[in-house]
Amino acid sequence: MNEAPIDRLLTLMARLRDPERGCAWDVAQSYESIVPYTIEEAYEVADAVERGDRADLRDELGDLLLQVVFQARLAEEEGAFRFDDVAEAICAKLIRRHPHVFDASGDFLPPERRPTDPAAIQAAWEAIKARERADKAAAGKGADKGETAGPLAGVSRALPALARADRISKRAAAVGFDWPDAAQVLAKVREEVDEVEESLGAGEPEAVFEEIGDLLFSVANLARHAGVDPEESLRRGTLKFERRFAAMADRLAAEGHALQGTPLPAMEAAWQAVKRTEKS
């Protein structure tokens, strides 16, 4: 019988970690040392999705899966858990969080027992997650990581700051602490811009630091009200800047100008020309 691909991957990872015959680099790694690669691979997946490149997505998902297998292998070596335990845990969570789809064994519920109202399903989902957070808090889990208690608990501090701001603001909104519409959030953004300007004028670096944080949090709230993922919006905005900047440099080069040393007005003129070309 042919070996299942996931079993082959687990076997290869174990061999790479073999102290005598494995790869010296892989053997030297720890939980902490491979975390940056895990984060990078997650973003590579997002990039492949954005570009619509399915072949690249397949490869990037494999790279991300390798990170899970790697961490699980480290845990197995120290006797903490195995890859199968990781898979079992997520299966149990999926069943637990979808009582509108599965019975306790994971079988489909009969049609007459399946709710179809999206709002009710979402409310039930949030209630289940709230119970899970409460159970973790009761067990003392997360307390050593300095996590916030109460309704904002459980939002990972490892998330990118903008994504975490989005999650936190959604939690606050879920209990009614929110602006009624996007127009009022926009007014808050303008207020925060004014406070940044005031702090800059006063020459207070610490205040500027704090006020810019408030401004970014308000922008994350505005994105939520507008139905926009702020992390993805910023990522696309950055990609647009990169594209336009490269086109600006090409335009200047075609005119015989090196980017370094070109006066700012000339760069701005080339930048505006690039924007006009894109829009047309």
C-alpha atoms as a PDB file:
ATOM      1  CA  MET A   1       0.000   0.000   0.000  1.00  0.00           C
ATOM      2  CA  ASN A   2       1.315   3.451  -0.921  1.00  0.00           C
ATOM      3  CA  GLU A   3       2.177   5.738   1.983  1.00  0.00           C
ATOM      4  CA  ALA A   4      -0.237   8.656   2.437  1.00  0.00           C
ATOM      5  CA  PRO A   5       1.397  12.004   1.545  1.00  0.00           C
ATOM      6  CA  ILE A   6       0.952  13.392   5.061  1.00  0.00           C
ATOM      7  CA  ASP A   7       2.611  10.277   6.535  1.00  0.00           C
ATOM      8  CA  ARG A   8       5.503  10.662   4.099  1.00  0.00           C
ATOM      9  CA  LEU A   9       5.884  14.299   5.124  1.00  0.00           C
ATOM     10  CA  LEU A  10       5.951  13.346   8.803  1.00  0.00           C
ATOM     11  CA  THR A  11       8.559  10.662   8.098  1.00  0.00           C
ATOM     12  CA  LEU A  12      10.748  13.084   6.131  1.00  0.00           C
ATOM     13  CA  MET A  13      10.541  15.662   8.925  1.00  0.00           C
ATOM     14  CA  ALA A  14      11.573  13.053  11.491  1.00  0.00           C
ATOM     15  CA  ARG A  15      14.538  12.090   9.308  1.00  0.00           C
ATOM     16  CA  LEU A  16      15.596  15.690   8.865  1.00  0.00           C
ATOM     17  CA  ARG A  17      15.617  16.027  12.654  1.00  0.00           C
ATOM     18  CA  ASP A  18      17.656  12.816  13.147  1.00  0.00           C
ATOM     19  CA  PRO A  19      20.623  13.885  15.332  1.00  0.00           C
ATOM     20  CA  GLU A  20      23.079  11.627  13.515  1.00  0.00           C
ATOM     21  CA  ARG A  21      21.905  11.403   9.908  1.00  0.00           C
ATOM     22  CA  GLY A  22      19.617  14.410   9.513  1.00  0.00           C
ATOM     23  CA  CYS A  23      20.162  17.996   8.363  1.00  0.00           C
ATOM     24  CA  ALA A  24      22.381  19.993  10.724  1.00  0.00           C
ATOM     25  CA  TRP A  25      20.262  23.130  10.162  1.00  0.00           C
ATOM     26  CA  ASP A  26      16.964  21.380  10.916  1.00  0.00           C
ATOM     27  CA  VAL A  27      18.443  19.668  13.978  1.00  0.00           C
ATOM     28  CA  ALA A  28      19.600  23.028  15.328  1.00  0.00           C
ATOM     29  CA  GLN A  29      16.146  24.640  15.149  1.00  0.00           C
ATOM     30  CA  SER A  30      13.800  25.329  18.073  1.00  0.00           C
ATOM     31  CA  TYR A  31      10.180  26.409  18.489  1.00  0.00           C
ATOM     32  CA  GLU A  32      11.292  30.019  18.660  1.00  0.00           C
ATOM     33  CA  SER A  33      13.734  29.967  15.753  1.00  0.00           C
ATOM     34  CA  ILE A  34      11.200  28.762  13.184  1.00  0.00           C
ATOM     35  CA  VAL A  35       8.350  31.073  14.191  1.00  0.00           C
ATOM     36  CA  PRO A  36       9.536  33.842  11.814  1.00  0.00           C
ATOM     37  CA  TYR A  37       9.404  31.348   8.941  1.00  0.00           C
ATOM     38  CA  THR A  38       5.880  30.321   9.936  1.00  0.00           C
ATOM     39  CA  ILE A  39       4.706  33.932   9.858  1.00  0.00           C
ATOM     40  CA  GLU A  40       6.459  34.553   6.540  1.00  0.00           C
ATOM     41  CA  GLU A  41       4.864  31.467   4.955  1.00  0.00           C
ATOM     42  CA  ALA A  42       1.395  32.587   6.066  1.00  0.00           C
ATOM     43  CA  TYR A  43       1.938  35.872   4.242  1.00  0.00           C
ATOM     44  CA  GLU A  44       3.240  34.024   1.184  1.00  0.00           C
ATOM     45  CA  VAL A  45      -0.064  32.130   1.113  1.00  0.00           C
ATOM     46  CA  ALA A  46      -1.960  35.422   1.282  1.00  0.00           C
ATOM     47  CA  ASP A  47       0.133  36.809  -1.558  1.00  0.00           C
ATOM     48  CA  ALA A  48      -0.513  33.770  -3.778  1.00  0.00           C
ATOM     49  CA  VAL A  49      -4.252  34.125  -3.162  1.00  0.00           C
ATOM     50  CA  GLU A  50      -4.103  37.822  -3.994  1.00  0.00           C
ATOM     51  CA  ARG A  51      -2.318  37.103  -7.275  1.00  0.00           C
ATOM     52  CA  GLY A  52      -4.719  34.285  -8.169  1.00  0.00           C
ATOM     53  CA  ASP A  53      -1.764  31.948  -8.783  1.00  0.00           C
ATOM     54  CA  ARG A  54      -3.130  28.521  -7.914  1.00  0.00           C
ATOM     55  CA  ALA A  55       0.086  26.635  -8.651  1.00  0.00           C
ATOM     56  CA  ASP A  56       2.008  28.962  -6.351  1.00  0.00           C
ATOM     57  CA  LEU A  57      -0.769  28.700  -3.762  1.00  0.00           C
ATOM     58  CA  ARG A  58      -0.353  24.913  -3.759  1.00  0.00           C
ATOM     59  CA  ASP A  59       3.379  25.300  -3.118  1.00  0.00           C
ATOM     60  CA  GLU A  60       2.949  27.972  -0.446  1.00  0.00           C
ATOM     61  CA  LEU A  61       0.325  25.924   1.389  1.00  0.00           C
ATOM     62  CA  GLY A  62       2.853  23.090   1.412  1.00  0.00           C
ATOM     63  CA  ASP A  63       5.463  25.408   2.911  1.00  0.00           C
ATOM     64  CA  LEU A  64       2.968  26.492   5.570  1.00  0.00           C
ATOM     65  CA  LEU A  65       2.018  22.896   6.320  1.00  0.00           C
ATOM     66  CA  LEU A  66       5.710  22.118   6.777  1.00  0.00           C
ATOM     67  CA  GLN A  67       5.855  24.721   9.533  1.00  0.00           C
ATOM     68  CA  VAL A  68       3.020  22.962  11.384  1.00  0.00           C
ATOM     69  CA  VAL A  69       4.725  19.593  10.919  1.00  0.00           C
ATOM     70  CA  PHE A  70       8.035  21.053  12.104  1.00  0.00           C
ATOM     71  CA  GLN A  71       6.562  22.471  15.315  1.00  0.00           C
ATOM     72  CA  ALA A  72       4.664  19.239  15.958  1.00  0.00           C
ATOM     73  CA  ARG A  73       7.877  17.253  15.483  1.00  0.00           C
ATOM     74  CA  LEU A  74       9.656  19.379  18.080  1.00  0.00           C
ATOM     75  CA  ALA A  75       6.787  18.754  20.489  1.00  0.00           C
ATOM     76  CA  GLU A  76       6.842  14.998  19.819  1.00  0.00           C
ATOM     77  CA  GLU A  77      10.563  14.849  20.528  1.00  0.00           C
ATOM     78  CA  GLU A  78      10.051  16.361  23.972  1.00  0.00           C
ATOM     79  CA  GLY A  79       6.972  14.239  24.673  1.00  0.00           C
ATOM     80  CA  ALA A  80       4.462  17.117  24.669  1.00  0.00           C
ATOM     81  CA  PHE A  81       2.153  16.059  21.799  1.00  0.00           C
ATOM     82  CA  ARG A  82       2.215  14.620  18.276  1.00  0.00           C
ATOM     83  CA  PHE A  83       0.950  15.823  14.888  1.00  0.00           C
ATOM     84  CA  ASP A  84      -2.069  13.524  15.233  1.00  0.00           C
ATOM     85  CA  ASP A  85      -2.949  15.318  18.474  1.00  0.00           C
ATOM     86  CA  VAL A  86      -2.890  18.639  16.600  1.00  0.00           C
ATOM     87  CA  ALA A  87      -5.248  17.240  13.966  1.00  0.00           C
ATOM     88  CA  GLU A  88      -7.532  15.694  16.577  1.00  0.00           C
ATOM     89  CA  ALA A  89      -7.699  18.962  18.519  1.00  0.00           C
ATOM     90  CA  ILE A  90      -8.789  20.988  15.510  1.00  0.00           C
ATOM     91  CA  CYS A  91     -11.330  18.324  14.524  1.00  0.00           C
ATOM     92  CA  ALA A  92     -12.815  18.473  18.020  1.00  0.00           C
ATOM     93  CA  LYS A  93     -12.927  22.267  17.869  1.00  0.00           C
ATOM     94  CA  LEU A  94     -14.658  22.255  14.473  1.00  0.00           C
ATOM     95  CA  ILE A  95     -17.331  19.882  15.757  1.00  0.00           C
ATOM     96  CA  ARG A  96     -17.737  21.844  18.995  1.00  0.00           C
ATOM     97  CA  ARG A  97     -18.082  25.171  17.197  1.00  0.00           C
ATOM     98  CA  HIS A  98     -20.543  23.892  14.590  1.00  0.00           C
ATOM     99  CA  PRO A  99     -23.419  22.417  16.610  1.00  0.00           C
ATOM    100  CA  HIS A 100     -25.701  23.675  13.828  1.00  0.00           C
ATOM    101  CA  VAL A 101     -23.994  21.279  11.398  1.00  0.00           C
ATOM    102  CA  PHE A 102     -22.673  18.284  13.379  1.00  0.00           C
ATOM    103  CA  ASP A 103     -23.777  16.093  16.254  1.00  0.00           C
ATOM    104  CA  ALA A 104     -21.265  15.231  18.964  1.00  0.00           C
ATOM    105  CA  SER A 105     -19.706  12.477  16.829  1.00  0.00           C
ATOM    106  CA  GLY A 106     -19.176  14.705  13.806  1.00  0.00           C
ATOM    107  CA  ASP A 107     -22.042  13.298  11.749  1.00  0.00           C
ATOM    108  CA  PHE A 108     -24.372  15.681   9.925  1.00  0.00           C
ATOM    109  CA  LEU A 109     -27.453  16.772  11.826  1.00  0.00           C
ATOM    110  CA  PRO A 110     -30.754  15.840  10.203  1.00  0.00           C
ATOM    111  CA  PRO A 111     -32.187  18.717   8.115  1.00  0.00           C
ATOM    112  CA  GLU A 112     -34.951  19.491  10.599  1.00  0.00           C
ATOM    113  CA  ARG A 113     -32.361  20.210  13.318  1.00  0.00           C
ATOM    114  CA  ARG A 114     -30.172  22.517  11.255  1.00  0.00           C
ATOM    115  CA  PRO A 115     -30.700  26.283  11.753  1.00  0.00           C
ATOM    116  CA  THR A 116     -30.399  28.389   8.631  1.00  0.00           C
ATOM    117  CA  ASP A 117     -30.498  31.948  10.008  1.00  0.00           C
ATOM    118  CA  PRO A 118     -26.952  33.397   9.542  1.00  0.00           C
ATOM    119  CA  ALA A 119     -27.403  35.863  12.404  1.00  0.00           C
ATOM    120  CA  ALA A 120     -28.400  33.092  14.818  1.00  0.00           C
ATOM    121  CA  ILE A 121     -25.475  30.950  13.667  1.00  0.00           C
ATOM    122  CA  GLN A 122     -23.037  33.837  14.176  1.00  0.00           C
ATOM    123  CA  ALA A 123     -24.446  34.555  17.637  1.00  0.00           C
ATOM    124  CA  ALA A 124     -24.110  30.900  18.614  1.00  0.00           C
ATOM    125  CA  TRP A 125     -20.530  30.842  17.304  1.00  0.00           C
ATOM    126  CA  GLU A 126     -19.585  33.866  19.388  1.00  0.00           C
ATOM    127  CA  ALA A 127     -21.266  32.385  22.459  1.00  0.00           C
ATOM    128  CA  ILE A 128     -19.275  29.165  22.066  1.00  0.00           C
ATOM    129  CA  LYS A 129     -16.018  31.083  21.720  1.00  0.00           C
ATOM    130  CA  ALA A 130     -16.895  33.172  24.780  1.00  0.00           C
ATOM    131  CA  ARG A 131     -17.444  29.986  26.800  1.00  0.00           C
ATOM    132  CA  GLU A 132     -14.098  28.645  25.590  1.00  0.00           C
ATOM    133  CA  ARG A 133     -12.353  31.844  26.675  1.00  0.00           C
ATOM    134  CA  ALA A 134     -14.065  31.684  30.055  1.00  0.00           C
ATOM    135  CA  ASP A 135     -12.987  28.061  30.492  1.00  0.00           C
ATOM    136  CA  LYS A 136      -9.399  28.995  29.641  1.00  0.00           C
ATOM    137  CA  ALA A 137      -9.487  31.868  32.107  1.00  0.00           C
ATOM    138  CA  ALA A 138     -10.884  29.599  34.822  1.00  0.00           C
ATOM    139  CA  ALA A 139      -8.063  27.151  34.155  1.00  0.00           C
ATOM    140  CA  GLY A 140      -5.503  29.960  34.362  1.00  0.00           C
ATOM    141  CA  LYS A 141      -4.425  29.580  30.753  1.00  0.00           C
ATOM    142  CA  GLY A 142      -3.089  32.753  29.187  1.00  0.00           C
ATOM    143  CA  ALA A 143      -2.638  34.533  32.503  1.00  0.00           C
ATOM    144  CA  ASP A 144       1.137  34.121  32.264  1.00  0.00           C
ATOM    145  CA  LYS A 145       1.125  35.795  28.840  1.00  0.00           C
ATOM    146  CA  GLY A 146      -0.386  39.030  30.134  1.00  0.00           C
ATOM    147  CA  GLU A 147      -3.565  38.616  28.112  1.00  0.00           C
ATOM    148  CA  THR A 148      -6.435  41.003  28.704  1.00  0.00           C
ATOM    149  CA  ALA A 149      -9.222  39.543  30.788  1.00  0.00           C
ATOM    150  CA  GLY A 150     -12.932  39.825  30.054  1.00  0.00           C
ATOM    151  CA  PRO A 151     -14.660  40.261  26.691  1.00  0.00           C
ATOM    152  CA  LEU A 152     -11.420  41.277  24.949  1.00  0.00           C
ATOM    153  CA  ALA A 153      -9.515  38.190  26.072  1.00  0.00           C
ATOM    154  CA  GLY A 154      -8.026  35.746  23.627  1.00  0.00           C
ATOM    155  CA  VAL A 155      -7.020  38.089  20.802  1.00  0.00           C
ATOM    156  CA  SER A 156      -3.441  37.030  20.094  1.00  0.00           C
ATOM    157  CA  ARG A 157      -0.778  39.634  20.710  1.00  0.00           C
ATOM    158  CA  ALA A 158       1.254  37.964  17.966  1.00  0.00           C
ATOM    159  CA  LEU A 159      -1.118  39.302  15.298  1.00  0.00           C
ATOM    160  CA  PRO A 160       0.040  42.220  13.142  1.00  0.00           C
ATOM    161  CA  ALA A 161      -0.906  45.390  15.009  1.00  0.00           C
ATOM    162  CA  LEU A 162      -3.490  46.545  12.468  1.00  0.00           C
ATOM    163  CA  ALA A 163      -5.176  43.142  12.323  1.00  0.00           C
ATOM    164  CA  ARG A 164      -5.258  42.965  16.115  1.00  0.00           C
ATOM    165  CA  ALA A 165      -6.804  46.441  16.297  1.00  0.00           C
ATOM    166  CA  ASP A 166      -9.528  45.211  13.958  1.00  0.00           C
ATOM    167  CA  ARG A 167     -10.206  42.160  16.133  1.00  0.00           C
ATOM    168  CA  ILE A 168     -10.229  44.157  19.358  1.00  0.00           C
ATOM    169  CA  SER A 169     -12.627  46.761  17.941  1.00  0.00           C
ATOM    170  CA  LYS A 170     -14.964  44.001  16.747  1.00  0.00           C
ATOM    171  CA  ARG A 171     -15.009  42.527  20.243  1.00  0.00           C
ATOM    172  CA  ALA A 172     -15.847  45.916  21.748  1.00  0.00           C
ATOM    173  CA  ALA A 173     -18.557  46.496  19.137  1.00  0.00           C
ATOM    174  CA  ALA A 174     -20.100  43.110  19.916  1.00  0.00           C
ATOM    175  CA  VAL A 175     -21.022  44.360  23.411  1.00  0.00           C
ATOM    176  CA  GLY A 176     -22.325  47.694  22.122  1.00  0.00           C
ATOM    177  CA  PHE A 177     -19.255  49.903  22.563  1.00  0.00           C
ATOM    178  CA  ASP A 178     -19.165  51.353  19.053  1.00  0.00           C
ATOM    179  CA  TRP A 179     -20.029  54.328  16.856  1.00  0.00           C
ATOM    180  CA  PRO A 180     -23.411  54.081  15.168  1.00  0.00           C
ATOM    181  CA  ASP A 181     -22.094  54.704  11.650  1.00  0.00           C
ATOM    182  CA  ALA A 182     -18.975  55.276   9.538  1.00  0.00           C
ATOM    183  CA  ALA A 183     -19.541  59.049   9.388  1.00  0.00           C
ATOM    184  CA  GLN A 184     -18.971  59.359  13.128  1.00  0.00           C
ATOM    185  CA  VAL A 185     -15.873  57.180  12.933  1.00  0.00           C
ATOM    186  CA  LEU A 186     -14.558  59.462  10.190  1.00  0.00           C
ATOM    187  CA  ALA A 187     -15.098  62.419  12.500  1.00  0.00           C
ATOM    188  CA  LYS A 188     -13.065  60.574  15.133  1.00  0.00           C
ATOM    189  CA  VAL A 189     -10.279  60.021  12.605  1.00  0.00           C
ATOM    190  CA  ARG A 190     -10.216  63.755  11.881  1.00  0.00           C
ATOM    191  CA  GLU A 191     -10.112  64.464  15.618  1.00  0.00           C
ATOM    192  CA  GLU A 192      -7.122  62.135  16.004  1.00  0.00           C
ATOM    193  CA  VAL A 193      -5.360  63.819  13.053  1.00  0.00           C
ATOM    194  CA  ASP A 194      -5.802  67.169  14.810  1.00  0.00           C
ATOM    195  CA  GLU A 195      -4.307  65.719  17.998  1.00  0.00           C
ATOM    196  CA  VAL A 196      -1.313  64.375  16.071  1.00  0.00           C
ATOM    197  CA  GLU A 197      -0.825  67.822  14.530  1.00  0.00           C
ATOM    198  CA  GLU A 198      -1.032  69.445  17.964  1.00  0.00           C
ATOM    199  CA  SER A 199       1.557  67.064  19.396  1.00  0.00           C
ATOM    200  CA  LEU A 200       3.897  67.627  16.468  1.00  0.00           C
ATOM    201  CA  GLY A 201       3.579  71.369  16.925  1.00  0.00           C
ATOM    202  CA  ALA A 202       4.376  71.058  20.627  1.00  0.00           C
ATOM    203  CA  GLY A 203       7.490  68.997  19.855  1.00  0.00           C
ATOM    204  CA  GLU A 204       6.472  66.171  22.179  1.00  0.00           C
ATOM    205  CA  PRO A 205       7.828  62.858  20.757  1.00  0.00           C
ATOM    206  CA  GLU A 206       6.070  60.635  23.278  1.00  0.00           C
ATOM    207  CA  ALA A 207       2.746  62.360  22.684  1.00  0.00           C
ATOM    208  CA  VAL A 208       3.221  62.070  18.912  1.00  0.00           C
ATOM    209  CA  PHE A 209       3.910  58.357  19.325  1.00  0.00           C
ATOM    210  CA  GLU A 210       0.738  57.888  21.374  1.00  0.00           C
ATOM    211  CA  GLU A 211      -1.496  60.026  19.166  1.00  0.00           C
ATOM    212  CA  ILE A 212      -0.404  58.256  15.974  1.00  0.00           C
ATOM    213  CA  GLY A 213      -1.342  54.973  17.671  1.00  0.00           C
ATOM    214  CA  ASP A 214      -4.789  56.415  18.438  1.00  0.00           C
ATOM    215  CA  LEU A 215      -5.087  57.574  14.832  1.00  0.00           C
ATOM    216  CA  LEU A 216      -4.238  54.138  13.444  1.00  0.00           C
ATOM    217  CA  PHE A 217      -6.711  52.465  15.812  1.00  0.00           C
ATOM    218  CA  SER A 218      -9.418  54.868  14.649  1.00  0.00           C
ATOM    219  CA  VAL A 219      -8.581  54.097  11.015  1.00  0.00           C
ATOM    220  CA  ALA A 220      -8.945  50.374  11.805  1.00  0.00           C
ATOM    221  CA  ASN A 221     -12.396  51.150  13.208  1.00  0.00           C
ATOM    222  CA  LEU A 222     -13.271  53.118  10.077  1.00  0.00           C
ATOM    223  CA  ALA A 223     -12.223  50.182   7.914  1.00  0.00           C
ATOM    224  CA  ARG A 224     -14.438  47.857   9.960  1.00  0.00           C
ATOM    225  CA  HIS A 225     -17.455  50.129   9.543  1.00  0.00           C
ATOM    226  CA  ALA A 226     -16.748  50.307   5.807  1.00  0.00           C
ATOM    227  CA  GLY A 227     -16.567  46.516   5.572  1.00  0.00           C
ATOM    228  CA  VAL A 228     -12.862  46.606   4.706  1.00  0.00           C
ATOM    229  CA  ASP A 229     -10.112  44.373   6.115  1.00  0.00           C
ATOM    230  CA  PRO A 230      -7.563  47.008   7.254  1.00  0.00           C
ATOM    231  CA  GLU A 231      -4.584  44.656   7.023  1.00  0.00           C
ATOM    232  CA  GLU A 232      -5.452  43.642   3.471  1.00  0.00           C
ATOM    233  CA  SER A 233      -6.276  47.234   2.523  1.00  0.00           C
ATOM    234  CA  LEU A 234      -2.886  48.431   3.770  1.00  0.00           C
ATOM    235  CA  ARG A 235      -1.132  45.556   2.028  1.00  0.00           C
ATOM    236  CA  ARG A 236      -2.770  46.472  -1.284  1.00  0.00           C
ATOM    237  CA  GLY A 237      -2.040  50.140  -0.713  1.00  0.00           C
ATOM    238  CA  THR A 238       1.629  49.319  -0.139  1.00  0.00           C
ATOM    239  CA  LEU A 239       1.731  47.181  -3.281  1.00  0.00           C
ATOM    240  CA  LYS A 240       0.213  50.072  -5.236  1.00  0.00           C
ATOM    241  CA  PHE A 241       2.861  52.417  -3.873  1.00  0.00           C
ATOM    242  CA  GLU A 242       5.601  49.953  -4.862  1.00  0.00           C
ATOM    243  CA  ARG A 243       4.183  49.634  -8.370  1.00  0.00           C
ATOM    244  CA  ARG A 244       3.877  53.375  -8.869  1.00  0.00           C
ATOM    245  CA  PHE A 245       7.275  54.088  -7.361  1.00  0.00           C
ATOM    246  CA  ALA A 246       8.927  51.609  -9.744  1.00  0.00           C
ATOM    247  CA  ALA A 247       7.051  53.151 -12.686  1.00  0.00           C
ATOM    248  CA  MET A 248       8.145  56.618 -11.561  1.00  0.00           C
ATOM    249  CA  ALA A 249      11.781  55.498 -11.451  1.00  0.00           C
ATOM    250  CA  ASP A 250      11.446  53.971 -14.924  1.00  0.00           C
ATOM    251  CA  ARG A 251       9.935  57.185 -16.274  1.00  0.00           C
ATOM    252  CA  LEU A 252      12.743  59.282 -14.834  1.00  0.00           C
ATOM    253  CA  ALA A 253      15.348  56.855 -16.171  1.00  0.00           C
ATOM    254  CA  ALA A 254      13.787  57.092 -19.646  1.00  0.00           C
ATOM    255  CA  GLU A 255      14.252  60.874 -19.404  1.00  0.00           C
ATOM    256  CA  GLY A 256      17.912  60.400 -18.476  1.00  0.00           C
ATOM    257  CA  HIS A 257      17.540  61.087 -14.752  1.00  0.00           C
ATOM    258  CA  ALA A 258      18.846  58.894 -11.941  1.00  0.00           C
ATOM    259  CA  LEU A 259      16.370  58.502  -9.107  1.00  0.00           C
ATOM    260  CA  GLN A 260      19.000  59.368  -6.528  1.00  0.00           C
ATOM    261  CA  GLY A 261      19.582  63.110  -6.755  1.00  0.00           C
ATOM    262  CA  THR A 262      16.482  63.961  -8.760  1.00  0.00           C
ATOM    263  CA  PRO A 263      14.777  67.030  -7.214  1.00  0.00           C
ATOM    264  CA  LEU A 264      11.541  66.297  -5.402  1.00  0.00           C
ATOM    265  CA  PRO A 265       9.390  68.435  -7.770  1.00  0.00           C
ATOM    266  CA  ALA A 266      10.609  66.357 -10.730  1.00  0.00           C
ATOM    267  CA  MET A 267       9.844  63.127  -8.862  1.00  0.00           C
ATOM    268  CA  GLU A 268       6.390  64.429  -7.961  1.00  0.00           C
ATOM    269  CA  ALA A 269       5.720  65.338 -11.604  1.00  0.00           C
ATOM    270  CA  ALA A 270       6.730  61.835 -12.705  1.00  0.00           C
ATOM    271  CA  TRP A 271       4.589  60.344  -9.920  1.00  0.00           C
ATOM    272  CA  GLN A 272       1.516  62.269 -11.067  1.00  0.00           C
ATOM    273  CA  ALA A 273       2.180  61.202 -14.654  1.00  0.00           C
ATOM    274  CA  VAL A 274       2.236  57.566 -13.540  1.00  0.00           C
ATOM    275  CA  LYS A 275      -1.081  58.026 -11.729  1.00  0.00           C
ATOM    276  CA  ARG A 276      -2.656  59.611 -14.789  1.00  0.00           C
ATOM    277  CA  THR A 277      -1.438  56.731 -16.955  1.00  0.00           C
ATOM    278  CA  GLU A 278      -2.914  54.161 -14.545  1.00  0.00           C
ATOM    279  CA  LYS A 279      -6.267  55.927 -14.436  1.00  0.00           C
ATOM    280  CA  SER A 280      -6.465  56.186 -18.210  1.00  0.00           C
END
